Amino acid sequence: MSRIDLALVEAFVLIARSGSLTKAESLSGVSKATLSRQLTRLEELLGAQLLLRSPRRISLTEAGHAFLVRGEGLLD
């Protein structure tokens, strides 16, 4: 069983709060490709889709909303 790395949680929270991979990239200095891979890995580990992606923005799924609350708690 794999553990969820806090870097994955940080990436998700940043993406969710900023509303886009582009904004998250500029805030973090981490490439969109890396952030996308981290997000995909987190979703694989959780077995749930957290975000709905479109060319211009992202939106949280129900699971994404729930995990955002937990993720923010973990990072506090």
N, C-alpha and C. Protein backbone atom coordinates (compact mmCIF):
# COMPACT_ATOMS: atom_id res chain seq x y z
N MET A 1 0.85 -1.19 0.00
CA MET A 1 0.00 0.00 0.00
C MET A 1 0.89 1.24 0.00
N SER A 2 0.59 2.18 -0.87
CA SER A 2 1.37 3.42 -0.97
C SER A 2 0.82 4.47 -0.03
N ARG A 3 1.72 5.31 0.45
CA ARG A 3 1.33 6.42 1.30
C ARG A 3 1.20 7.67 0.46
N ILE A 4 0.36 8.56 0.93
CA ILE A 4 0.19 9.84 0.24
C ILE A 4 1.23 10.81 0.77
N ASP A 5 2.06 11.30 -0.11
CA ASP A 5 3.11 12.25 0.21
C ASP A 5 2.49 13.63 0.39
N LEU A 6 2.97 14.39 1.37
CA LEU A 6 2.43 15.74 1.59
C LEU A 6 2.63 16.65 0.38
N ALA A 7 3.64 16.40 -0.43
CA ALA A 7 3.84 17.20 -1.64
C ALA A 7 2.66 17.04 -2.59
N LEU A 8 2.06 15.86 -2.64
CA LEU A 8 0.88 15.64 -3.47
C LEU A 8 -0.31 16.43 -2.93
N VAL A 9 -0.45 16.44 -1.63
CA VAL A 9 -1.53 17.19 -0.99
C VAL A 9 -1.34 18.68 -1.22
N GLU A 10 -0.12 19.16 -1.06
CA GLU A 10 0.17 20.57 -1.30
C GLU A 10 -0.15 20.97 -2.74
N ALA A 11 0.22 20.13 -3.68
CA ALA A 11 -0.05 20.42 -5.09
C ALA A 11 -1.56 20.50 -5.33
N PHE A 12 -2.30 19.54 -4.80
CA PHE A 12 -3.75 19.55 -4.98
C PHE A 12 -4.38 20.79 -4.37
N VAL A 13 -4.02 21.12 -3.15
CA VAL A 13 -4.60 22.29 -2.48
C VAL A 13 -4.29 23.56 -3.27
N LEU A 14 -3.08 23.70 -3.75
CA LEU A 14 -2.69 24.87 -4.54
C LEU A 14 -3.51 24.95 -5.83
N ILE A 15 -3.64 23.85 -6.52
CA ILE A 15 -4.42 23.82 -7.76
C ILE A 15 -5.88 24.15 -7.47
N ALA A 16 -6.44 23.53 -6.44
CA ALA A 16 -7.85 23.75 -6.10
C ALA A 16 -8.10 25.20 -5.70
N ARG A 17 -7.23 25.76 -4.89
CA ARG A 17 -7.40 27.15 -4.44
C ARG A 17 -7.23 28.14 -5.58
N SER A 18 -6.29 27.89 -6.48
CA SER A 18 -6.01 28.84 -7.55
C SER A 18 -6.98 28.70 -8.72
N GLY A 19 -7.58 27.54 -8.89
CA GLY A 19 -8.56 27.34 -9.94
C GLY A 19 -8.00 26.97 -11.30
N SER A 20 -6.67 26.87 -11.40
CA SER A 20 -6.08 26.44 -12.67
C SER A 20 -4.65 25.98 -12.48
N LEU A 21 -4.22 25.12 -13.38
CA LEU A 21 -2.83 24.66 -13.34
C LEU A 21 -1.87 25.81 -13.67
N THR A 22 -2.28 26.69 -14.57
CA THR A 22 -1.41 27.81 -14.96
C THR A 22 -1.15 28.73 -13.77
N LYS A 23 -2.21 29.05 -13.03
CA LYS A 23 -2.04 29.91 -11.85
C LYS A 23 -1.22 29.19 -10.78
N ALA A 24 -1.49 27.90 -10.60
CA ALA A 24 -0.74 27.12 -9.61
C ALA A 24 0.74 27.07 -9.98
N GLU A 25 1.02 26.97 -11.28
CA GLU A 25 2.41 26.96 -11.75
C GLU A 25 3.09 28.28 -11.41
N SER A 26 2.43 29.39 -11.66
CA SER A 26 3.07 30.68 -11.40
C SER A 26 3.23 30.93 -9.90
N LEU A 27 2.32 30.42 -9.09
CA LEU A 27 2.43 30.60 -7.64
C LEU A 27 3.51 29.73 -7.01
N SER A 28 3.70 28.53 -7.57
CA SER A 28 4.60 27.57 -6.95
C SER A 28 5.98 27.49 -7.59
N GLY A 29 6.06 27.87 -8.87
CA GLY A 29 7.32 27.70 -9.58
C GLY A 29 7.53 26.26 -10.06
N VAL A 30 6.51 25.43 -9.89
CA VAL A 30 6.56 24.04 -10.34
C VAL A 30 5.83 23.98 -11.67
N SER A 31 6.36 23.24 -12.63
CA SER A 31 5.76 23.20 -13.97
C SER A 31 4.36 22.59 -13.94
N LYS A 32 3.55 23.00 -14.93
CA LYS A 32 2.20 22.44 -15.06
C LYS A 32 2.26 20.93 -15.24
N ALA A 33 3.24 20.46 -15.99
CA ALA A 33 3.37 19.01 -16.22
C ALA A 33 3.59 18.27 -14.91
N THR A 34 4.46 18.82 -14.06
CA THR A 34 4.73 18.18 -12.77
C THR A 34 3.50 18.23 -11.87
N LEU A 35 2.84 19.38 -11.83
CA LEU A 35 1.62 19.49 -11.02
C LEU A 35 0.55 18.52 -11.50
N SER A 36 0.41 18.39 -12.81
CA SER A 36 -0.57 17.47 -13.37
C SER A 36 -0.24 16.02 -12.99
N ARG A 37 1.03 15.66 -13.07
CA ARG A 37 1.44 14.30 -12.67
C ARG A 37 1.17 14.06 -11.19
N GLN A 38 1.45 15.06 -10.36
CA GLN A 38 1.20 14.92 -8.92
C GLN A 38 -0.29 14.73 -8.66
N LEU A 39 -1.11 15.51 -9.35
CA LEU A 39 -2.55 15.39 -9.19
C LEU A 39 -3.04 14.01 -9.63
N THR A 40 -2.57 13.55 -10.76
CA THR A 40 -2.95 12.22 -11.25
C THR A 40 -2.54 11.15 -10.27
N ARG A 41 -1.34 11.25 -9.73
CA ARG A 41 -0.85 10.27 -8.75
C ARG A 41 -1.74 10.27 -7.50
N LEU A 42 -2.10 11.46 -7.01
CA LEU A 42 -2.96 11.56 -5.83
C LEU A 42 -4.32 10.92 -6.11
N GLU A 43 -4.89 11.19 -7.27
CA GLU A 43 -6.18 10.60 -7.62
C GLU A 43 -6.07 9.08 -7.70
N GLU A 44 -4.96 8.58 -8.24
CA GLU A 44 -4.76 7.13 -8.30
C GLU A 44 -4.68 6.53 -6.90
N LEU A 45 -3.94 7.18 -6.02
CA LEU A 45 -3.80 6.68 -4.65
C LEU A 45 -5.12 6.69 -3.90
N LEU A 46 -5.92 7.73 -4.13
CA LEU A 46 -7.21 7.84 -3.45
C LEU A 46 -8.31 7.03 -4.12
N GLY A 47 -8.10 6.69 -5.39
CA GLY A 47 -9.12 5.96 -6.14
C GLY A 47 -10.34 6.81 -6.44
N ALA A 48 -10.12 8.12 -6.60
CA ALA A 48 -11.23 9.04 -6.87
C ALA A 48 -10.75 10.21 -7.71
N GLN A 49 -11.62 10.68 -8.59
CA GLN A 49 -11.32 11.88 -9.36
C GLN A 49 -11.61 13.09 -8.48
N LEU A 50 -10.63 13.97 -8.34
CA LEU A 50 -10.77 15.14 -7.48
C LEU A 50 -11.14 16.39 -8.25
N LEU A 51 -10.72 16.46 -9.51
CA LEU A 51 -10.96 17.65 -10.31
C LEU A 51 -11.52 17.28 -11.68
N LEU A 52 -12.35 18.17 -12.20
CA LEU A 52 -12.77 18.10 -13.60
C LEU A 52 -11.95 19.14 -14.33
N ARG A 53 -11.24 18.72 -15.37
CA ARG A 53 -10.33 19.61 -16.08
C ARG A 53 -10.96 20.05 -17.39
N SER A 54 -10.84 21.34 -17.69
CA SER A 54 -11.21 21.87 -18.99
C SER A 54 -10.05 22.74 -19.46
N PRO A 55 -10.04 23.13 -20.72
CA PRO A 55 -8.90 23.92 -21.21
C PRO A 55 -8.65 25.22 -20.44
N ARG A 56 -9.67 25.82 -19.89
CA ARG A 56 -9.50 27.12 -19.24
C ARG A 56 -9.52 27.09 -17.72
N ARG A 57 -10.10 26.06 -17.14
CA ARG A 57 -10.17 26.03 -15.67
C ARG A 57 -10.41 24.62 -15.16
N ILE A 58 -10.36 24.50 -13.87
CA ILE A 58 -10.66 23.24 -13.22
C ILE A 58 -11.83 23.48 -12.27
N SER A 59 -12.53 22.43 -11.95
CA SER A 59 -13.57 22.51 -10.93
C SER A 59 -13.48 21.26 -10.07
N LEU A 60 -13.84 21.41 -8.82
CA LEU A 60 -13.76 20.31 -7.88
C LEU A 60 -14.94 19.37 -8.02
N THR A 61 -14.67 18.09 -7.94
CA THR A 61 -15.73 17.10 -7.84
C THR A 61 -16.19 17.07 -6.38
N GLU A 62 -17.19 16.28 -6.10
CA GLU A 62 -17.64 16.13 -4.71
C GLU A 62 -16.49 15.57 -3.85
N ALA A 63 -15.79 14.59 -4.39
CA ALA A 63 -14.64 14.03 -3.67
C ALA A 63 -13.55 15.08 -3.51
N GLY A 64 -13.39 15.94 -4.51
CA GLY A 64 -12.39 17.01 -4.44
C GLY A 64 -12.70 18.00 -3.34
N HIS A 65 -13.97 18.37 -3.20
CA HIS A 65 -14.37 19.27 -2.11
C HIS A 65 -14.06 18.65 -0.75
N ALA A 66 -14.40 17.38 -0.60
CA ALA A 66 -14.15 16.69 0.67
C ALA A 66 -12.66 16.59 0.96
N PHE A 67 -11.87 16.26 -0.07
CA PHE A 67 -10.44 16.12 0.16
C PHE A 67 -9.77 17.47 0.38
N LEU A 68 -10.28 18.53 -0.22
CA LEU A 68 -9.71 19.86 0.00
C LEU A 68 -9.77 20.22 1.48
N VAL A 69 -10.90 19.95 2.12
CA VAL A 69 -11.04 20.24 3.55
C VAL A 69 -10.02 19.43 4.35
N ARG A 70 -9.90 18.15 4.02
CA ARG A 70 -8.93 17.29 4.73
C ARG A 70 -7.49 17.71 4.43
N GLY A 71 -7.23 18.02 3.16
CA GLY A 71 -5.87 18.43 2.77
C GLY A 71 -5.45 19.71 3.45
N GLU A 72 -6.35 20.68 3.51
CA GLU A 72 -6.02 21.93 4.20
C GLU A 72 -5.75 21.66 5.68
N GLY A 73 -6.52 20.77 6.27
CA GLY A 73 -6.29 20.40 7.67
C GLY A 73 -4.93 19.75 7.88
N LEU A 74 -4.54 18.90 6.95
CA LEU A 74 -3.24 18.25 7.06
C LEU A 74 -2.09 19.25 6.96
N LEU A 75 -2.28 20.27 6.13
CA LEU A 75 -1.21 21.24 5.90
C LEU A 75 -1.14 22.32 6.98
N ASP A 76 -2.21 22.46 7.76
CA ASP A 76 -2.21 23.49 8.83
C ASP A 76 -1.35 23.10 10.00
